N, C-alpha and C. Protein backbone atom coordinates (compact mmCIF):
# COMPACT_ATOMS: atom_id res chain seq x y z
N MET A 1 80.85 145.36 37.26
CA MET A 1 81.79 145.87 38.25
C MET A 1 82.94 144.88 38.44
N LYS A 2 84.16 145.40 38.46
CA LYS A 2 85.31 144.53 38.65
C LYS A 2 85.39 144.04 40.09
N TRP A 3 85.81 142.77 40.23
CA TRP A 3 86.22 142.27 41.54
C TRP A 3 87.54 142.96 41.90
N VAL A 4 87.69 143.32 43.17
CA VAL A 4 88.98 143.81 43.65
C VAL A 4 89.52 142.75 44.61
N LEU A 5 90.67 142.20 44.26
CA LEU A 5 91.27 141.07 44.97
C LEU A 5 92.49 141.56 45.73
N PHE A 6 92.45 141.44 47.05
CA PHE A 6 93.51 141.97 47.91
C PHE A 6 94.42 140.87 48.44
N ASP A 7 95.71 141.18 48.47
CA ASP A 7 96.65 140.44 49.30
C ASP A 7 96.36 140.79 50.76
N TYR A 8 96.85 139.95 51.68
CA TYR A 8 96.63 140.23 53.10
C TYR A 8 97.86 140.86 53.76
N GLY A 9 98.95 140.09 53.88
CA GLY A 9 100.11 140.53 54.65
C GLY A 9 100.76 141.78 54.09
N GLU A 10 100.91 142.80 54.92
CA GLU A 10 101.54 144.07 54.59
C GLU A 10 100.74 144.87 53.55
N VAL A 11 99.46 144.50 53.39
CA VAL A 11 98.51 145.29 52.61
C VAL A 11 97.31 145.59 53.51
N LEU A 12 96.54 144.55 53.83
CA LEU A 12 95.43 144.72 54.77
C LEU A 12 95.92 144.61 56.21
N SER A 13 97.06 143.97 56.39
CA SER A 13 97.67 143.90 57.73
C SER A 13 99.01 144.62 57.71
N HIS A 14 99.47 144.98 58.90
CA HIS A 14 100.82 145.53 59.04
C HIS A 14 101.84 144.39 59.02
N ALA A 15 103.09 144.75 58.80
CA ALA A 15 104.18 143.79 58.96
C ALA A 15 104.23 143.34 60.42
N GLN A 16 104.87 142.22 60.66
CA GLN A 16 104.99 141.71 62.03
C GLN A 16 105.66 142.76 62.92
N PRO A 17 105.02 143.16 64.03
CA PRO A 17 105.63 144.14 64.94
C PRO A 17 106.92 143.59 65.55
N GLU A 18 107.85 144.49 65.83
CA GLU A 18 109.16 144.08 66.33
C GLU A 18 109.03 143.30 67.63
N ARG A 19 108.13 143.72 68.52
CA ARG A 19 107.99 143.01 69.80
C ARG A 19 107.56 141.58 69.57
N GLU A 20 106.68 141.35 68.62
CA GLU A 20 106.20 139.99 68.37
C GLU A 20 107.23 139.17 67.61
N ARG A 21 108.05 139.81 66.82
CA ARG A 21 109.19 139.11 66.22
C ARG A 21 110.14 138.64 67.32
N GLU A 22 110.35 139.49 68.32
CA GLU A 22 111.23 139.12 69.43
C GLU A 22 110.65 137.94 70.21
N LEU A 23 109.35 137.93 70.43
CA LEU A 23 108.72 136.82 71.15
C LEU A 23 108.89 135.51 70.38
N LEU A 24 108.80 135.57 69.07
CA LEU A 24 108.99 134.37 68.26
C LEU A 24 110.42 133.84 68.39
N THR A 25 111.39 134.72 68.29
CA THR A 25 112.78 134.25 68.38
C THR A 25 113.11 133.75 69.78
N GLN A 26 112.52 134.37 70.80
CA GLN A 26 112.73 133.88 72.17
C GLN A 26 112.14 132.49 72.34
N ALA A 27 110.95 132.27 71.79
CA ALA A 27 110.32 130.96 71.89
C ALA A 27 111.11 129.91 71.12
N ALA A 28 111.72 130.33 70.01
CA ALA A 28 112.52 129.39 69.21
C ALA A 28 113.79 128.99 69.92
N GLY A 29 114.38 129.91 70.67
CA GLY A 29 115.58 129.60 71.42
C GLY A 29 116.83 129.43 70.59
N ILE A 30 116.84 130.05 69.40
CA ILE A 30 118.04 129.99 68.56
C ILE A 30 118.41 131.41 68.15
N ASP A 31 119.57 131.55 67.54
CA ASP A 31 120.03 132.85 67.10
C ASP A 31 119.01 133.51 66.18
N PRO A 32 118.66 134.78 66.42
CA PRO A 32 117.64 135.44 65.59
C PRO A 32 117.94 135.42 64.10
N GLY A 33 119.20 135.64 63.73
CA GLY A 33 119.54 135.61 62.31
C GLY A 33 119.26 134.26 61.69
N ARG A 34 119.64 133.21 62.40
CA ARG A 34 119.38 131.85 61.92
C ARG A 34 117.88 131.58 61.87
N PHE A 35 117.16 132.07 62.89
CA PHE A 35 115.71 131.84 62.93
C PHE A 35 115.02 132.45 61.72
N TRP A 36 115.30 133.73 61.43
CA TRP A 36 114.58 134.39 60.34
C TRP A 36 115.02 133.89 58.98
N GLU A 37 116.26 133.45 58.87
CA GLU A 37 116.69 132.85 57.60
C GLU A 37 115.87 131.60 57.33
N GLY A 38 115.72 130.75 58.35
CA GLY A 38 114.94 129.53 58.19
C GLY A 38 113.45 129.81 58.03
N TYR A 39 112.97 130.79 58.76
CA TYR A 39 111.54 131.17 58.71
C TYR A 39 111.13 131.47 57.28
N TRP A 40 111.92 132.28 56.57
CA TRP A 40 111.55 132.66 55.21
C TRP A 40 111.99 131.64 54.17
N ARG A 41 113.09 130.93 54.42
CA ARG A 41 113.56 129.97 53.42
C ARG A 41 112.54 128.85 53.21
N HIS A 42 111.86 128.43 54.27
CA HIS A 42 110.91 127.33 54.16
C HIS A 42 109.45 127.80 54.07
N ARG A 43 109.25 129.12 54.08
CA ARG A 43 107.89 129.64 54.22
C ARG A 43 107.00 129.34 53.02
N LEU A 44 107.53 129.43 51.82
CA LEU A 44 106.68 129.26 50.65
C LEU A 44 106.10 127.84 50.59
N GLU A 45 106.90 126.85 50.98
CA GLU A 45 106.37 125.48 50.98
C GLU A 45 105.36 125.29 52.11
N PHE A 46 105.53 126.01 53.22
CA PHE A 46 104.53 126.00 54.29
C PHE A 46 103.25 126.68 53.80
N ASP A 47 103.41 127.81 53.11
CA ASP A 47 102.26 128.49 52.53
C ASP A 47 101.51 127.59 51.55
N ARG A 48 102.26 126.78 50.81
CA ARG A 48 101.67 125.91 49.80
C ARG A 48 100.89 124.75 50.42
N GLY A 49 101.13 124.50 51.70
CA GLY A 49 100.51 123.35 52.35
C GLY A 49 101.32 122.09 52.19
N ALA A 50 102.56 122.22 51.68
CA ALA A 50 103.41 121.05 51.47
C ALA A 50 104.11 120.62 52.75
N LEU A 51 104.13 121.48 53.77
CA LEU A 51 104.73 121.16 55.07
C LEU A 51 103.68 121.29 56.15
N THR A 52 103.67 120.35 57.10
CA THR A 52 102.83 120.48 58.28
C THR A 52 103.49 121.50 59.22
N PRO A 53 102.76 122.02 60.20
CA PRO A 53 103.41 122.91 61.17
C PRO A 53 104.61 122.24 61.85
N GLU A 54 104.49 120.95 62.17
CA GLU A 54 105.60 120.23 62.80
C GLU A 54 106.82 120.20 61.88
N ASP A 55 106.58 119.90 60.60
CA ASP A 55 107.68 119.85 59.63
C ASP A 55 108.32 121.22 59.47
N TYR A 56 107.47 122.22 59.33
CA TYR A 56 107.98 123.57 59.09
C TYR A 56 108.84 124.05 60.25
N TRP A 57 108.30 123.98 61.46
CA TRP A 57 109.05 124.52 62.59
C TRP A 57 110.29 123.68 62.90
N SER A 58 110.25 122.40 62.62
CA SER A 58 111.45 121.57 62.78
C SER A 58 112.54 122.02 61.82
N GLN A 59 112.14 122.36 60.58
CA GLN A 59 113.12 122.82 59.61
C GLN A 59 113.66 124.20 59.98
N VAL A 60 112.78 125.07 60.46
CA VAL A 60 113.23 126.41 60.86
C VAL A 60 114.23 126.33 62.00
N LEU A 61 113.92 125.50 63.02
CA LEU A 61 114.77 125.42 64.20
C LEU A 61 115.97 124.49 64.02
N GLY A 62 115.89 123.62 63.02
CA GLY A 62 117.00 122.72 62.76
C GLY A 62 117.03 121.49 63.64
N HIS A 63 115.91 121.19 64.32
CA HIS A 63 115.81 119.98 65.14
C HIS A 63 114.33 119.66 65.35
N PRO A 64 114.00 118.40 65.68
CA PRO A 64 112.59 118.06 65.91
C PRO A 64 111.99 118.88 67.04
N VAL A 65 110.74 119.29 66.86
CA VAL A 65 110.07 120.10 67.88
C VAL A 65 108.93 119.31 68.50
N SER A 66 108.66 119.57 69.75
CA SER A 66 107.56 118.90 70.45
C SER A 66 106.22 119.53 70.07
N GLN A 67 105.13 118.84 70.37
CA GLN A 67 103.81 119.39 70.11
C GLN A 67 103.59 120.69 70.87
N ALA A 68 104.09 120.76 72.10
CA ALA A 68 103.95 121.98 72.89
C ALA A 68 104.69 123.14 72.23
N GLU A 69 105.89 122.87 71.71
CA GLU A 69 106.65 123.91 71.02
C GLU A 69 105.91 124.38 69.77
N VAL A 70 105.36 123.43 69.03
CA VAL A 70 104.63 123.78 67.81
C VAL A 70 103.45 124.67 68.15
N ARG A 71 102.68 124.29 69.16
CA ARG A 71 101.51 125.10 69.53
C ARG A 71 101.93 126.51 69.92
N ARG A 72 103.01 126.64 70.68
CA ARG A 72 103.48 127.95 71.11
C ARG A 72 103.92 128.78 69.92
N LEU A 73 104.70 128.21 69.02
CA LEU A 73 105.20 128.93 67.87
C LEU A 73 104.07 129.32 66.92
N VAL A 74 103.13 128.41 66.70
CA VAL A 74 101.99 128.72 65.83
C VAL A 74 101.18 129.86 66.42
N THR A 75 100.93 129.82 67.71
CA THR A 75 100.16 130.89 68.36
C THR A 75 100.85 132.24 68.19
N LEU A 76 102.15 132.28 68.45
CA LEU A 76 102.89 133.53 68.32
C LEU A 76 102.94 134.00 66.87
N ASP A 77 103.09 133.07 65.94
CA ASP A 77 103.14 133.41 64.53
C ASP A 77 101.82 134.02 64.08
N VAL A 78 100.72 133.39 64.45
CA VAL A 78 99.40 133.91 64.09
C VAL A 78 99.21 135.31 64.67
N GLU A 79 99.55 135.47 65.94
CA GLU A 79 99.34 136.76 66.60
C GLU A 79 100.16 137.87 65.94
N SER A 80 101.30 137.50 65.36
CA SER A 80 102.15 138.51 64.74
C SER A 80 101.59 139.03 63.42
N TRP A 81 100.61 138.31 62.84
CA TRP A 81 100.09 138.67 61.52
C TRP A 81 98.67 139.21 61.55
N ILE A 82 98.10 139.50 62.71
CA ILE A 82 96.68 139.89 62.74
C ILE A 82 96.49 141.35 63.14
N HIS A 83 97.49 142.19 62.87
CA HIS A 83 97.38 143.62 63.16
C HIS A 83 96.96 144.35 61.88
N HIS A 84 95.68 144.68 61.79
CA HIS A 84 95.19 145.21 60.53
C HIS A 84 95.64 146.66 60.31
N ASN A 85 95.76 147.01 59.05
CA ASN A 85 96.11 148.36 58.63
C ASN A 85 94.79 149.13 58.50
N GLU A 86 94.50 149.98 59.46
CA GLU A 86 93.21 150.68 59.48
C GLU A 86 92.96 151.49 58.21
N ASP A 87 93.99 152.12 57.69
CA ASP A 87 93.83 152.96 56.51
C ASP A 87 93.46 152.13 55.28
N THR A 88 94.07 150.96 55.15
CA THR A 88 93.77 150.11 54.00
C THR A 88 92.42 149.41 54.17
N VAL A 89 92.14 148.95 55.38
CA VAL A 89 90.86 148.30 55.63
C VAL A 89 89.71 149.27 55.39
N ALA A 90 89.92 150.56 55.67
CA ALA A 90 88.88 151.56 55.42
C ALA A 90 88.55 151.65 53.93
N ILE A 91 89.51 151.35 53.08
CA ILE A 91 89.27 151.38 51.64
C ILE A 91 88.26 150.30 51.24
N LEU A 92 88.28 149.19 51.97
CA LEU A 92 87.33 148.12 51.66
C LEU A 92 85.89 148.62 51.75
N ALA A 93 85.59 149.38 52.79
CA ALA A 93 84.23 149.88 52.97
C ALA A 93 83.84 150.81 51.83
N ASP A 94 84.77 151.63 51.38
CA ASP A 94 84.49 152.55 50.28
C ASP A 94 84.23 151.79 48.98
N LEU A 95 85.03 150.76 48.73
CA LEU A 95 84.83 149.95 47.53
C LEU A 95 83.50 149.21 47.58
N ARG A 96 83.17 148.69 48.76
CA ARG A 96 81.90 147.98 48.91
C ARG A 96 80.73 148.92 48.66
N GLU A 97 80.82 150.14 49.18
CA GLU A 97 79.75 151.12 48.99
C GLU A 97 79.60 151.48 47.52
N ALA A 98 80.71 151.45 46.79
CA ALA A 98 80.67 151.74 45.35
C ALA A 98 80.16 150.55 44.54
N GLY A 99 79.95 149.41 45.20
CA GLY A 99 79.37 148.25 44.52
C GLY A 99 80.36 147.22 44.02
N HIS A 100 81.63 147.38 44.38
CA HIS A 100 82.62 146.41 43.91
C HIS A 100 82.66 145.18 44.82
N PRO A 101 82.54 143.99 44.27
CA PRO A 101 82.75 142.79 45.09
C PRO A 101 84.21 142.67 45.47
N LEU A 102 84.46 142.15 46.66
CA LEU A 102 85.81 142.13 47.22
C LEU A 102 86.23 140.71 47.58
N ALA A 103 87.50 140.41 47.37
CA ALA A 103 88.03 139.09 47.70
C ALA A 103 89.45 139.22 48.24
N LEU A 104 89.90 138.16 48.87
CA LEU A 104 91.23 138.08 49.46
C LEU A 104 91.97 136.91 48.84
N LEU A 105 93.25 137.12 48.52
CA LEU A 105 94.13 136.02 48.10
C LEU A 105 95.43 136.16 48.86
N SER A 106 95.67 135.23 49.78
CA SER A 106 96.84 135.32 50.64
C SER A 106 97.68 134.06 50.57
N ASN A 107 99.00 134.26 50.46
CA ASN A 107 99.92 133.16 50.69
C ASN A 107 99.96 132.95 52.20
N ALA A 108 99.28 131.93 52.68
CA ALA A 108 99.18 131.70 54.12
C ALA A 108 98.97 130.22 54.38
N PRO A 109 99.76 129.63 55.29
CA PRO A 109 99.50 128.25 55.68
C PRO A 109 98.16 128.17 56.39
N ILE A 110 97.64 126.97 56.52
CA ILE A 110 96.28 126.80 57.06
C ILE A 110 96.16 127.39 58.46
N CYS A 111 97.17 127.25 59.30
CA CYS A 111 97.07 127.77 60.67
C CYS A 111 96.96 129.29 60.68
N ILE A 112 97.66 129.97 59.78
CA ILE A 112 97.54 131.43 59.69
C ILE A 112 96.18 131.79 59.11
N ALA A 113 95.74 131.04 58.10
CA ALA A 113 94.42 131.29 57.51
C ALA A 113 93.33 131.19 58.57
N GLU A 114 93.43 130.21 59.44
CA GLU A 114 92.43 130.06 60.50
C GLU A 114 92.43 131.27 61.43
N GLY A 115 93.62 131.81 61.71
CA GLY A 115 93.71 133.00 62.55
C GLY A 115 93.09 134.21 61.86
N ILE A 116 93.37 134.37 60.58
CA ILE A 116 92.81 135.49 59.83
C ILE A 116 91.29 135.39 59.78
N GLU A 117 90.78 134.19 59.61
CA GLU A 117 89.34 134.00 59.50
C GLU A 117 88.60 134.37 60.78
N ARG A 118 89.30 134.43 61.90
CA ARG A 118 88.66 134.81 63.16
C ARG A 118 88.50 136.32 63.30
N LEU A 119 89.09 137.09 62.39
CA LEU A 119 88.99 138.55 62.45
C LEU A 119 87.62 138.98 61.94
N PRO A 120 86.84 139.70 62.74
CA PRO A 120 85.48 140.07 62.31
C PRO A 120 85.44 140.81 60.98
N TRP A 121 86.36 141.72 60.75
CA TRP A 121 86.29 142.52 59.52
C TRP A 121 86.60 141.72 58.27
N ILE A 122 87.34 140.62 58.42
CA ILE A 122 87.69 139.83 57.23
C ILE A 122 86.45 139.18 56.64
N GLN A 123 85.44 138.95 57.49
CA GLN A 123 84.21 138.30 57.03
C GLN A 123 83.41 139.19 56.10
N THR A 124 83.76 140.48 56.02
CA THR A 124 83.03 141.38 55.12
C THR A 124 83.45 141.19 53.67
N LEU A 125 84.56 140.50 53.42
CA LEU A 125 84.96 140.23 52.05
C LEU A 125 84.08 139.11 51.48
N ASP A 126 83.75 139.24 50.22
CA ASP A 126 82.80 138.30 49.61
C ASP A 126 83.40 136.92 49.38
N ALA A 127 84.70 136.83 49.21
CA ALA A 127 85.37 135.54 49.00
C ALA A 127 86.79 135.65 49.53
N ARG A 128 87.28 134.54 50.06
CA ARG A 128 88.63 134.54 50.64
C ARG A 128 89.34 133.26 50.22
N PHE A 129 90.56 133.43 49.72
CA PHE A 129 91.34 132.31 49.21
C PHE A 129 92.70 132.29 49.91
N TYR A 130 93.10 131.10 50.36
CA TYR A 130 94.35 130.93 51.07
C TYR A 130 95.18 129.84 50.39
N SER A 131 96.45 130.12 50.20
CA SER A 131 97.32 129.20 49.46
C SER A 131 97.39 127.82 50.12
N GLY A 132 97.44 127.80 51.47
CA GLY A 132 97.57 126.51 52.16
C GLY A 132 96.39 125.60 51.92
N ILE A 133 95.23 126.18 51.71
CA ILE A 133 94.03 125.40 51.42
C ILE A 133 93.99 125.00 49.95
N MET A 134 94.45 125.90 49.08
CA MET A 134 94.39 125.65 47.64
C MET A 134 95.51 124.74 47.15
N GLY A 135 96.63 124.67 47.92
CA GLY A 135 97.77 123.89 47.46
C GLY A 135 98.54 124.57 46.35
N LEU A 136 98.37 125.89 46.23
CA LEU A 136 99.04 126.71 45.22
C LEU A 136 99.54 127.98 45.90
N VAL A 137 100.53 128.63 45.32
CA VAL A 137 101.05 129.87 45.90
C VAL A 137 101.21 130.93 44.82
N LYS A 138 101.10 132.17 45.23
CA LYS A 138 101.56 133.28 44.39
C LYS A 138 103.09 133.23 44.35
N PRO A 139 103.72 133.54 43.24
CA PRO A 139 103.17 134.15 42.03
C PRO A 139 102.83 133.17 40.92
N ASP A 140 102.62 131.88 41.22
CA ASP A 140 102.32 130.93 40.16
C ASP A 140 101.03 131.33 39.45
N GLU A 141 101.05 131.34 38.14
CA GLU A 141 99.90 131.79 37.35
C GLU A 141 98.63 131.01 37.69
N GLU A 142 98.79 129.73 37.99
CA GLU A 142 97.62 128.86 38.21
C GLU A 142 96.75 129.34 39.36
N ILE A 143 97.34 129.93 40.40
CA ILE A 143 96.53 130.32 41.55
C ILE A 143 95.58 131.47 41.17
N TYR A 144 96.03 132.37 40.32
CA TYR A 144 95.18 133.48 39.90
C TYR A 144 94.06 132.97 38.99
N LEU A 145 94.39 132.04 38.11
CA LEU A 145 93.37 131.47 37.22
C LEU A 145 92.34 130.71 38.02
N ARG A 146 92.79 130.00 39.06
CA ARG A 146 91.86 129.25 39.91
C ARG A 146 90.92 130.21 40.64
N VAL A 147 91.46 131.30 41.15
CA VAL A 147 90.63 132.27 41.86
C VAL A 147 89.57 132.85 40.92
N ALA A 148 89.98 133.25 39.73
CA ALA A 148 89.00 133.80 38.78
C ALA A 148 87.92 132.79 38.46
N ALA A 149 88.32 131.53 38.28
CA ALA A 149 87.33 130.48 37.99
C ALA A 149 86.38 130.30 39.16
N GLU A 150 86.89 130.33 40.36
CA GLU A 150 86.04 130.18 41.55
C GLU A 150 85.07 131.36 41.69
N LEU A 151 85.52 132.54 41.27
CA LEU A 151 84.66 133.71 41.33
C LEU A 151 83.65 133.73 40.18
N GLY A 152 83.90 132.91 39.18
CA GLY A 152 83.00 132.84 38.04
C GLY A 152 83.16 133.99 37.06
N VAL A 153 84.38 134.53 36.99
CA VAL A 153 84.64 135.66 36.09
C VAL A 153 85.91 135.40 35.29
N ARG A 154 86.12 136.24 34.28
CA ARG A 154 87.38 136.20 33.54
C ARG A 154 88.49 136.85 34.37
N PRO A 155 89.73 136.43 34.19
CA PRO A 155 90.81 137.13 34.87
C PRO A 155 90.79 138.63 34.61
N ALA A 156 90.38 139.03 33.40
CA ALA A 156 90.33 140.45 33.06
C ALA A 156 89.32 141.23 33.90
N ASP A 157 88.41 140.52 34.56
CA ASP A 157 87.41 141.16 35.39
C ASP A 157 87.86 141.29 36.85
N VAL A 158 89.14 141.04 37.10
CA VAL A 158 89.69 141.10 38.46
C VAL A 158 90.83 142.11 38.50
N LEU A 159 90.81 142.96 39.52
CA LEU A 159 91.90 143.88 39.80
C LEU A 159 92.58 143.43 41.09
N PHE A 160 93.86 143.11 40.99
CA PHE A 160 94.60 142.52 42.10
C PHE A 160 95.52 143.55 42.74
N VAL A 161 95.60 143.53 44.08
CA VAL A 161 96.44 144.47 44.83
C VAL A 161 97.41 143.67 45.70
N ASP A 162 98.71 143.93 45.56
CA ASP A 162 99.72 143.21 46.35
C ASP A 162 100.93 144.11 46.55
N ASP A 163 101.63 143.92 47.68
CA ASP A 163 102.81 144.73 47.95
C ASP A 163 104.07 144.18 47.30
N ARG A 164 104.01 142.98 46.77
CA ARG A 164 105.20 142.38 46.16
C ARG A 164 105.08 142.40 44.64
N LEU A 165 106.08 142.98 43.99
CA LEU A 165 106.03 143.11 42.54
C LEU A 165 105.97 141.75 41.85
N VAL A 166 106.61 140.74 42.42
CA VAL A 166 106.59 139.43 41.78
C VAL A 166 105.17 138.87 41.75
N ASN A 167 104.38 139.16 42.77
CA ASN A 167 102.99 138.70 42.79
C ASN A 167 102.11 139.52 41.85
N VAL A 168 102.40 140.81 41.75
CA VAL A 168 101.72 141.66 40.78
C VAL A 168 101.96 141.13 39.37
N GLY A 169 103.22 140.78 39.10
CA GLY A 169 103.56 140.24 37.79
C GLY A 169 102.87 138.92 37.51
N GLY A 170 102.74 138.07 38.54
CA GLY A 170 102.04 136.81 38.36
C GLY A 170 100.58 137.01 37.98
N ALA A 171 99.94 137.97 38.64
CA ALA A 171 98.54 138.27 38.34
C ALA A 171 98.39 138.79 36.91
N GLU A 172 99.30 139.67 36.53
CA GLU A 172 99.23 140.23 35.17
C GLU A 172 99.47 139.15 34.12
N SER A 173 100.35 138.21 34.40
CA SER A 173 100.61 137.13 33.44
C SER A 173 99.40 136.22 33.29
N ALA A 174 98.54 136.19 34.32
CA ALA A 174 97.31 135.39 34.26
C ALA A 174 96.16 136.15 33.62
N GLY A 175 96.38 137.41 33.27
CA GLY A 175 95.36 138.19 32.58
C GLY A 175 94.60 139.18 33.45
N MET A 176 94.98 139.28 34.73
CA MET A 176 94.36 140.26 35.62
C MET A 176 95.04 141.61 35.45
N SER A 177 94.35 142.69 35.82
CA SER A 177 95.03 143.95 36.02
C SER A 177 95.50 143.97 37.47
N ALA A 178 96.51 144.76 37.77
CA ALA A 178 97.10 144.68 39.11
C ALA A 178 97.69 146.02 39.52
N ILE A 179 97.71 146.23 40.82
CA ILE A 179 98.28 147.43 41.43
C ILE A 179 99.35 147.02 42.42
N HIS A 180 100.49 147.68 42.35
CA HIS A 180 101.54 147.46 43.35
C HIS A 180 101.24 148.34 44.55
N PHE A 181 100.97 147.73 45.70
CA PHE A 181 100.64 148.48 46.91
C PHE A 181 101.89 149.07 47.54
N ARG A 182 101.82 150.36 47.85
CA ARG A 182 102.90 151.04 48.56
C ARG A 182 102.40 151.63 49.88
N ASP A 183 101.27 152.28 49.84
CA ASP A 183 100.63 152.82 51.04
C ASP A 183 99.18 153.09 50.70
N ALA A 184 98.36 153.33 51.74
CA ALA A 184 96.93 153.47 51.53
C ALA A 184 96.58 154.68 50.68
N GLY A 185 97.26 155.79 50.89
CA GLY A 185 96.96 156.98 50.12
C GLY A 185 97.20 156.79 48.63
N THR A 186 98.34 156.19 48.30
CA THR A 186 98.65 155.90 46.90
C THR A 186 97.67 154.90 46.33
N LEU A 187 97.29 153.91 47.14
CA LEU A 187 96.34 152.91 46.67
C LEU A 187 95.01 153.55 46.29
N ARG A 188 94.52 154.49 47.09
CA ARG A 188 93.25 155.16 46.76
C ARG A 188 93.33 155.79 45.37
N ALA A 189 94.42 156.47 45.10
CA ALA A 189 94.57 157.12 43.80
C ALA A 189 94.68 156.09 42.69
N ASP A 190 95.44 155.02 42.93
CA ASP A 190 95.61 153.97 41.91
C ASP A 190 94.29 153.26 41.62
N LEU A 191 93.50 153.01 42.67
CA LEU A 191 92.21 152.35 42.48
C LEU A 191 91.26 153.24 41.69
N LYS A 192 91.25 154.51 42.01
CA LYS A 192 90.36 155.43 41.29
C LYS A 192 90.66 155.40 39.80
N MET A 193 91.93 155.40 39.46
CA MET A 193 92.31 155.37 38.05
C MET A 193 91.97 154.02 37.42
N ALA A 194 92.32 152.94 38.12
CA ALA A 194 92.13 151.60 37.54
C ALA A 194 90.66 151.26 37.37
N LEU A 195 89.83 151.69 38.29
CA LEU A 195 88.42 151.30 38.26
C LEU A 195 87.56 152.21 37.41
N THR A 196 88.14 153.29 36.91
CA THR A 196 87.40 154.16 35.99
C THR A 196 87.91 154.04 34.56
N THR A 197 88.95 153.23 34.37
CA THR A 197 89.48 152.99 33.04
C THR A 197 88.75 151.82 32.40
N PRO A 198 88.15 151.99 31.23
CA PRO A 198 87.43 150.88 30.60
C PRO A 198 88.34 149.68 30.37
N GLY A 199 87.82 148.50 30.69
CA GLY A 199 88.58 147.27 30.46
C GLY A 199 88.26 146.68 29.11
N PRO A 200 88.83 145.50 28.78
CA PRO A 200 88.56 144.86 27.51
C PRO A 200 87.11 144.40 27.42
N PRO A 201 86.55 144.33 26.21
CA PRO A 201 85.14 143.91 26.06
C PRO A 201 84.95 142.46 26.42
């Protein structure tokens, strides 16, 4: 049985709700456009674990931040990413019932990973991998190879699901099969096809 490896953000979870985006920009106290430009410009290095929360938020805001500010921003950031997609999460139960082992691979800094790990349903996945802990990020080929090695299988024995085409391409370059996530209904159909198609010997 193939492992099915899921991305987290905007696949198993919804995108950040607008109200929680507003709370983040209010806490930052800077222009929203400037805030979100910095938020995403420095995010991949934060995901990689190359920046501490203090370093990251100082770069986003453009000035040194206090410990209290960091705690507030981290709390709001975590809360903005823990709204699960019920339709997609329901697919996990169906895959598990069919006998497929399940895993998670998320570009997430350690503080976000800790928040995700507190979600009861996430514990139902057989293995969970976070970029901030691994020191690697998608779409770098090495992260997919590391995950397959940790699972004890060939990359060809893993089916990866992600909403970003660049990450899908990274998985395919590492030898995994992959599905571009668009919505839960389409994913069900794509999984049915992918998991009933014979793979390489």
